[in-house]
Amino acid sequence: MKFRLQELLKNLKKEIIQDIPDELAACEVCGATDCRNDEWIHCENRIAHEKCLRQIAERNNR
């Protein structure tokens, strides 16, 4: 019984994740929808954007 429940939840999770439209899965910085995880981690645009947001937040917290 436990195995069936785990398998059901696993399949349900796959279905939910697959139903996300490309427009919603797009990168907030550049709009790309096809980045692999390793590309996203090293993306210079994303890193620069994140750094800029941190600096703005620091200025607002002073």
N, C-alpha and C. Protein backbone atom coordinates (compact mmCIF):
# COMPACT_ATOMS: atom_id res chain seq x y z
N MET A 1 0.82 -1.20 0.00
CA MET A 1 0.00 0.00 0.00
C MET A 1 0.86 1.26 0.00
N LYS A 2 1.90 1.28 0.84
CA LYS A 2 2.78 2.45 0.93
C LYS A 2 3.47 2.70 -0.41
N PHE A 3 3.91 1.63 -1.08
CA PHE A 3 4.59 1.77 -2.36
C PHE A 3 3.66 2.38 -3.40
N ARG A 4 2.40 1.96 -3.41
CA ARG A 4 1.43 2.49 -4.38
C ARG A 4 1.19 3.99 -4.15
N LEU A 5 1.10 4.37 -2.89
CA LEU A 5 0.89 5.79 -2.57
C LEU A 5 2.09 6.62 -3.00
N GLN A 6 3.30 6.12 -2.74
CA GLN A 6 4.51 6.85 -3.14
C GLN A 6 4.57 6.98 -4.66
N GLU A 7 4.23 5.91 -5.37
CA GLU A 7 4.26 5.95 -6.83
C GLU A 7 3.19 6.92 -7.37
N LEU A 8 2.02 6.90 -6.75
CA LEU A 8 0.95 7.82 -7.16
C LEU A 8 1.39 9.27 -6.96
N LEU A 9 1.98 9.59 -5.82
CA LEU A 9 2.45 10.94 -5.55
C LEU A 9 3.55 11.35 -6.51
N LYS A 10 4.44 10.43 -6.83
CA LYS A 10 5.52 10.70 -7.78
C LYS A 10 4.95 11.04 -9.15
N ASN A 11 3.99 10.26 -9.62
CA ASN A 11 3.37 10.51 -10.92
C ASN A 11 2.58 11.82 -10.92
N LEU A 12 1.90 12.10 -9.83
CA LEU A 12 1.14 13.34 -9.72
C LEU A 12 2.08 14.55 -9.78
N LYS A 13 3.20 14.45 -9.09
CA LYS A 13 4.19 15.54 -9.10
C LYS A 13 4.70 15.78 -10.52
N LYS A 14 4.98 14.72 -11.26
CA LYS A 14 5.45 14.87 -12.64
C LYS A 14 4.41 15.59 -13.49
N GLU A 15 3.15 15.24 -13.32
CA GLU A 15 2.08 15.86 -14.09
C GLU A 15 1.95 17.34 -13.76
N ILE A 16 2.02 17.70 -12.51
CA ILE A 16 1.90 19.10 -12.11
C ILE A 16 3.05 19.91 -12.68
N ILE A 17 4.24 19.40 -12.60
CA ILE A 17 5.41 20.11 -13.10
C ILE A 17 5.35 20.26 -14.61
N GLN A 18 4.87 19.27 -15.32
CA GLN A 18 4.81 19.31 -16.78
C GLN A 18 3.74 20.25 -17.29
N ASP A 19 2.78 20.63 -16.45
CA ASP A 19 1.68 21.48 -16.89
C ASP A 19 1.99 22.97 -16.86
N ILE A 20 3.19 23.36 -16.47
CA ILE A 20 3.54 24.78 -16.39
C ILE A 20 3.79 25.31 -17.80
N PRO A 21 3.06 26.35 -18.21
CA PRO A 21 3.28 26.93 -19.54
C PRO A 21 4.66 27.58 -19.63
N ASP A 22 5.22 27.59 -20.83
CA ASP A 22 6.55 28.17 -21.04
C ASP A 22 6.64 29.62 -20.57
N GLU A 23 5.56 30.39 -20.76
CA GLU A 23 5.60 31.79 -20.38
C GLU A 23 5.83 31.95 -18.87
N LEU A 24 5.28 31.03 -18.08
CA LEU A 24 5.45 31.11 -16.63
C LEU A 24 6.79 30.54 -16.18
N ALA A 25 7.37 29.66 -16.99
CA ALA A 25 8.64 29.05 -16.64
C ALA A 25 9.82 29.87 -17.14
N ALA A 26 9.54 30.96 -17.83
CA ALA A 26 10.60 31.77 -18.42
C ALA A 26 11.41 32.48 -17.34
N CYS A 27 12.67 32.68 -17.64
CA CYS A 27 13.58 33.39 -16.75
C CYS A 27 13.09 34.82 -16.56
N GLU A 28 13.09 35.29 -15.33
CA GLU A 28 12.65 36.65 -15.04
C GLU A 28 13.63 37.69 -15.55
N VAL A 29 14.87 37.29 -15.79
CA VAL A 29 15.90 38.24 -16.23
C VAL A 29 15.94 38.35 -17.75
N CYS A 30 16.05 37.22 -18.45
CA CYS A 30 16.23 37.28 -19.91
C CYS A 30 15.07 36.68 -20.70
N GLY A 31 14.16 35.98 -20.03
CA GLY A 31 13.01 35.39 -20.72
C GLY A 31 13.26 34.04 -21.35
N ALA A 32 14.45 33.49 -21.19
CA ALA A 32 14.77 32.18 -21.76
C ALA A 32 13.93 31.10 -21.08
N THR A 33 13.52 30.11 -21.86
CA THR A 33 12.72 29.01 -21.31
C THR A 33 13.44 27.67 -21.41
N ASP A 34 14.63 27.67 -21.95
CA ASP A 34 15.31 26.40 -22.21
C ASP A 34 16.67 26.26 -21.53
N CYS A 35 16.90 26.98 -20.45
CA CYS A 35 18.18 26.89 -19.75
C CYS A 35 18.27 25.57 -18.98
N ARG A 36 19.40 24.94 -19.07
CA ARG A 36 19.66 23.78 -18.22
C ARG A 36 20.08 24.32 -16.85
N ASN A 37 20.03 23.48 -15.85
CA ASN A 37 20.36 23.89 -14.49
C ASN A 37 21.77 24.46 -14.40
N ASP A 38 22.74 23.82 -15.07
CA ASP A 38 24.12 24.32 -15.01
C ASP A 38 24.27 25.67 -15.72
N GLU A 39 23.48 25.90 -16.75
CA GLU A 39 23.51 27.20 -17.42
C GLU A 39 22.93 28.29 -16.51
N TRP A 40 21.84 27.96 -15.83
CA TRP A 40 21.18 28.92 -14.95
C TRP A 40 22.09 29.31 -13.80
N ILE A 41 22.79 28.34 -13.23
CA ILE A 41 23.67 28.60 -12.10
C ILE A 41 24.78 29.57 -12.47
N HIS A 42 25.32 29.46 -13.67
CA HIS A 42 26.46 30.28 -14.10
C HIS A 42 26.05 31.46 -14.99
N CYS A 43 24.76 31.71 -15.13
CA CYS A 43 24.28 32.77 -16.03
C CYS A 43 24.73 34.15 -15.52
N GLU A 44 25.52 34.84 -16.32
CA GLU A 44 26.04 36.15 -15.93
C GLU A 44 24.93 37.18 -15.77
N ASN A 45 23.92 37.13 -16.63
CA ASN A 45 22.79 38.07 -16.53
C ASN A 45 22.05 37.88 -15.21
N ARG A 46 21.76 36.64 -14.84
CA ARG A 46 21.04 36.36 -13.60
C ARG A 46 21.86 36.79 -12.39
N ILE A 47 23.16 36.49 -12.41
CA ILE A 47 24.04 36.83 -11.28
C ILE A 47 24.12 38.35 -11.11
N ALA A 48 24.27 39.07 -12.22
CA ALA A 48 24.34 40.53 -12.15
C ALA A 48 23.02 41.11 -11.65
N HIS A 49 21.91 40.57 -12.10
CA HIS A 49 20.59 41.04 -11.67
C HIS A 49 20.40 40.78 -10.18
N GLU A 50 20.79 39.59 -9.73
CA GLU A 50 20.67 39.25 -8.31
C GLU A 50 21.54 40.17 -7.45
N LYS A 51 22.75 40.48 -7.91
CA LYS A 51 23.65 41.37 -7.18
C LYS A 51 23.04 42.77 -7.08
N CYS A 52 22.47 43.23 -8.17
CA CYS A 52 21.83 44.54 -8.19
C CYS A 52 20.66 44.59 -7.21
N LEU A 53 19.84 43.56 -7.18
CA LEU A 53 18.70 43.52 -6.26
C LEU A 53 19.16 43.51 -4.80
N ARG A 54 20.26 42.78 -4.53
CA ARG A 54 20.80 42.76 -3.16
C ARG A 54 21.27 44.14 -2.74
N GLN A 55 21.95 44.86 -3.65
CA GLN A 55 22.44 46.20 -3.35
C GLN A 55 21.27 47.15 -3.07
N ILE A 56 20.22 47.04 -3.84
CA ILE A 56 19.03 47.89 -3.64
C ILE A 56 18.41 47.59 -2.28
N ALA A 57 18.30 46.31 -1.94
CA ALA A 57 17.72 45.92 -0.66
C ALA A 57 18.57 46.43 0.50
N GLU A 58 19.90 46.35 0.37
CA GLU A 58 20.79 46.85 1.41
C GLU A 58 20.62 48.35 1.61
N ARG A 59 20.51 49.09 0.52
CA ARG A 59 20.31 50.55 0.60
C ARG A 59 18.99 50.88 1.28
N ASN A 60 17.96 50.11 1.00
CA ASN A 60 16.64 50.36 1.58
C ASN A 60 16.59 50.00 3.06
N ASN A 61 17.46 49.11 3.49
CA ASN A 61 17.47 48.68 4.90
C ASN A 61 18.30 49.61 5.79
N ARG A 62 18.98 50.57 5.23
CA ARG A 62 19.82 51.47 6.03
C ARG A 62 19.00 52.52 6.69
